[in-house]
Every structure is written in structure tokens, then in C-alpha cells.
C-alpha atoms as a PDB file:
ATOM      1  CA  MET A   1     -16.359 -16.919  -2.659  1.00  0.00           C
ATOM      2  CA  ARG A   2     -15.072 -16.672   0.524  1.00  0.00           C
ATOM      3  CA  LEU A   3     -12.311 -14.403   0.841  1.00  0.00           C
ATOM      4  CA  LEU A   4      -8.679 -15.582   1.817  1.00  0.00           C
ATOM      5  CA  THR A   5      -7.336 -13.775   5.095  1.00  0.00           C
ATOM      6  CA  LEU A   6      -3.798 -13.864   7.365  1.00  0.00           C
ATOM      7  CA  ASP A   7      -5.011 -13.574  10.655  1.00  0.00           C
ATOM      8  CA  GLY A   8      -7.786 -11.285   9.887  1.00  0.00           C
ATOM      9  CA  LYS A   9      -5.893  -9.117   6.951  1.00  0.00           C
ATOM     10  CA  CYS A  10      -6.744  -9.010   3.247  1.00  0.00           C
ATOM     11  CA  ASN A  11      -3.130  -8.038   2.776  1.00  0.00           C
ATOM     12  CA  ILE A  12       0.374  -7.886   4.022  1.00  0.00           C
ATOM     13  CA  CYS A  13       1.331  -4.476   3.015  1.00  0.00           C
ATOM     14  CA  GLY A  14      -0.531  -2.807   4.866  1.00  0.00           C
ATOM     15  CA  GLU A  15       1.900  -1.972   7.962  1.00  0.00           C
ATOM     16  CA  ARG A  16       4.419  -1.263   5.092  1.00  0.00           C
ATOM     17  CA  VAL A  17       2.178   1.096   3.338  1.00  0.00           C
ATOM     18  CA  ARG A  18       1.246   3.001   6.876  1.00  0.00           C
ATOM     19  CA  ILE A  19       4.892   3.001   7.760  1.00  0.00           C
ATOM     20  CA  ALA A  20       6.603   5.033   4.592  1.00  0.00           C
ATOM     21  CA  ARG A  21       3.849   7.558   4.371  1.00  0.00           C
ATOM     22  CA  GLU A  22       4.519   8.431   7.684  1.00  0.00           C
ATOM     23  CA  SER A  23       8.023   7.999   7.449  1.00  0.00           C
ATOM     24  CA  GLN A  24       7.553  10.493   4.459  1.00  0.00           C
ATOM     25  CA  LYS A  25       4.730  12.995   6.202  1.00  0.00           C
ATOM     26  CA  LEU A  26       2.662  11.952   3.549  1.00  0.00           C
ATOM     27  CA  SER A  27      -1.264  12.016   4.137  1.00  0.00           C
ATOM     28  CA  GLN A  28      -3.349   9.212   3.211  1.00  0.00           C
ATOM     29  CA  GLU A  29      -4.827  11.884   0.374  1.00  0.00           C
ATOM     30  CA  GLY A  30      -0.930  13.221  -1.110  1.00  0.00           C
ATOM     31  CA  LEU A  31      -0.070   8.830  -1.513  1.00  0.00           C
ATOM     32  CA  ALA A  32      -3.875   9.429  -3.019  1.00  0.00           C
ATOM     33  CA  ALA A  33      -2.550  11.531  -5.160  1.00  0.00           C
ATOM     34  CA  LYS A  34       0.788  11.209  -6.340  1.00  0.00           C
ATOM     35  CA  ILE A  35      -0.533   7.605  -7.425  1.00  0.00           C
ATOM     36  CA  GLN A  36      -3.794   9.556  -9.336  1.00  0.00           C
ATOM     37  CA  LEU A  37      -1.153  11.116 -10.963  1.00  0.00           C
ATOM     38  CA  ASN A  38       1.234   7.342 -12.768  1.00  0.00           C
ATOM     39  CA  GLY A  39      -2.362   7.095 -14.497  1.00  0.00           C
ATOM     40  CA  HIS A  40      -4.086   4.882 -11.162  1.00  0.00           C
ATOM     41  CA  SER A  41      -7.407   5.762  -9.017  1.00  0.00           C
ATOM     42  CA  LEU A  42      -7.018   4.854  -6.113  1.00  0.00           C
ATOM     43  CA  THR A  43      -8.612   6.754  -3.566  1.00  0.00           C
ATOM     44  CA  GLN A  44      -8.442   8.140   0.028  1.00  0.00           C
ATOM     45  CA  LYS A  45     -10.352   5.595   1.017  1.00  0.00           C
ATOM     46  CA  ALA A  46      -9.203   2.913  -0.840  1.00  0.00           C
ATOM     47  CA  ILE A  47      -5.308   3.564   0.567  1.00  0.00           C
ATOM     48  CA  SER A  48      -7.405   3.868   4.104  1.00  0.00           C
ATOM     49  CA  ARG A  49      -9.102   0.634   3.582  1.00  0.00           C
ATOM     50  CA  ILE A  50      -5.211  -1.171   2.435  1.00  0.00           C
ATOM     51  CA  GLU A  51      -3.597   0.324   5.229  1.00  0.00           C
ATOM     52  CA  THR A  52      -6.202  -0.949   7.906  1.00  0.00           C
ATOM     53  CA  GLY A  53      -6.282  -4.813   6.317  1.00  0.00           C
ATOM     54  CA  VAL A  54     -10.245  -4.575   4.602  1.00  0.00           C
ATOM     55  CA  ARG A  55      -8.985  -3.884   1.793  1.00  0.00           C
ATOM     56  CA  THR A  56      -7.617  -6.333  -0.905  1.00  0.00           C
ATOM     57  CA  VAL A  57      -3.838  -5.499  -2.435  1.00  0.00           C
ATOM     58  CA  PRO A  58      -3.507  -6.943  -6.195  1.00  0.00           C
ATOM     59  CA  ASP A  59      -0.558  -7.597  -7.614  1.00  0.00           C
ATOM     60  CA  TYR A  60      -0.172  -4.804 -10.052  1.00  0.00           C
ATOM     61  CA  GLU A  61      -0.973  -1.926  -6.973  1.00  0.00           C
ATOM     62  CA  LEU A  62       2.537  -3.283  -5.901  1.00  0.00           C
ATOM     63  CA  PRO A  63       4.254  -1.638  -7.473  1.00  0.00           C
ATOM     64  CA  LEU A  64       2.004   1.325  -8.121  1.00  0.00           C
ATOM     65  CA  LEU A  65       2.488   2.166  -5.167  1.00  0.00           C
ATOM     66  CA  ALA A  66       6.239   1.424  -3.421  1.00  0.00           C
ATOM     67  CA  ASP A  67       6.673   3.760  -6.906  1.00  0.00           C
ATOM     68  CA  ALA A  68       4.502   6.585  -4.936  1.00  0.00           C
ATOM     69  CA  LEU A  69       6.419   5.453  -1.748  1.00  0.00           C
ATOM     70  CA  ASN A  70      10.257   5.043  -3.195  1.00  0.00           C
ATOM     71  CA  VAL A  71      10.163   2.331  -1.720  1.00  0.00           C
ATOM     72  CA  ASN A  72      11.634  -1.625  -2.262  1.00  0.00           C
ATOM     73  CA  PRO A  73       7.454  -3.250  -3.774  1.00  0.00           C
ATOM     74  CA  LEU A  74       9.477  -7.061  -1.574  1.00  0.00           C
ATOM     75  CA  TRP A  75      10.015  -4.435   1.649  1.00  0.00           C
ATOM     76  CA  LEU A  76       5.890  -3.910   1.416  1.00  0.00           C
ATOM     77  CA  ILE A  77       5.245  -7.682   0.708  1.00  0.00           C
ATOM     78  CA  GLY A  78       8.503  -8.173   3.852  1.00  0.00           C
ATOM     79  CA  LEU A  79       9.811 -10.574   1.573  1.00  0.00           C
ATOM     80  CA  THR A  80      13.508  -7.470   2.665  1.00  0.00           C
ATOM     81  CA  ASP A  81      14.356  -5.586   4.992  1.00  0.00           C
ATOM     82  CA  LYS A  82      15.486  -3.464   2.448  1.00  0.00           C
ATOM     83  CA  ARG A  83      13.592  -0.841   1.925  1.00  0.00           C
ATOM     84  CA  ASN A  84      14.673   1.150  -1.060  1.00  0.00           C
END
């Protein structure tokens, strides 16, 4: 199976995950910990790979990321400019 990419990236939310994380002064490890507290196993390495576009983000992870970052899930994927 061939993985399709957009401009060489496996996701479209990585840059906005990084922007939201940094604006909250959260480390990748801190973001991973917030998500883990909500019962989902996401590591610092996974966050790093999401932000660099190396890792695909399944649809069920978008709300988890959005909730942990206090942003609109649609903002993460670029469908709205409203962050919250």
C-alpha cells in the first residue's frame, strides 16, 4: 500500500499542532502527558512526528489533540480561522 502525501507530509494538522502547543508554552512531552491523562496513548515521539508531518493522524486523534490544546478541531485541519 502506498501512503499518499500532500507536499511530502502525511498530515495537514502538524504545523497547527505545533503553533497551538508553543503558544501555550507546552513541551511535546507535556502535550503527550495531557492526552495520556485522557486515556489515549500518545508519546512525545508521536507528537514530534505529527508536527513534522511524518506521522499520519487518524480522525479519532483530532478531537483528542484539539481538546488537549483547547482549539477547534476544524482549525487544526485548516477549515476555519477560528482557533477556539
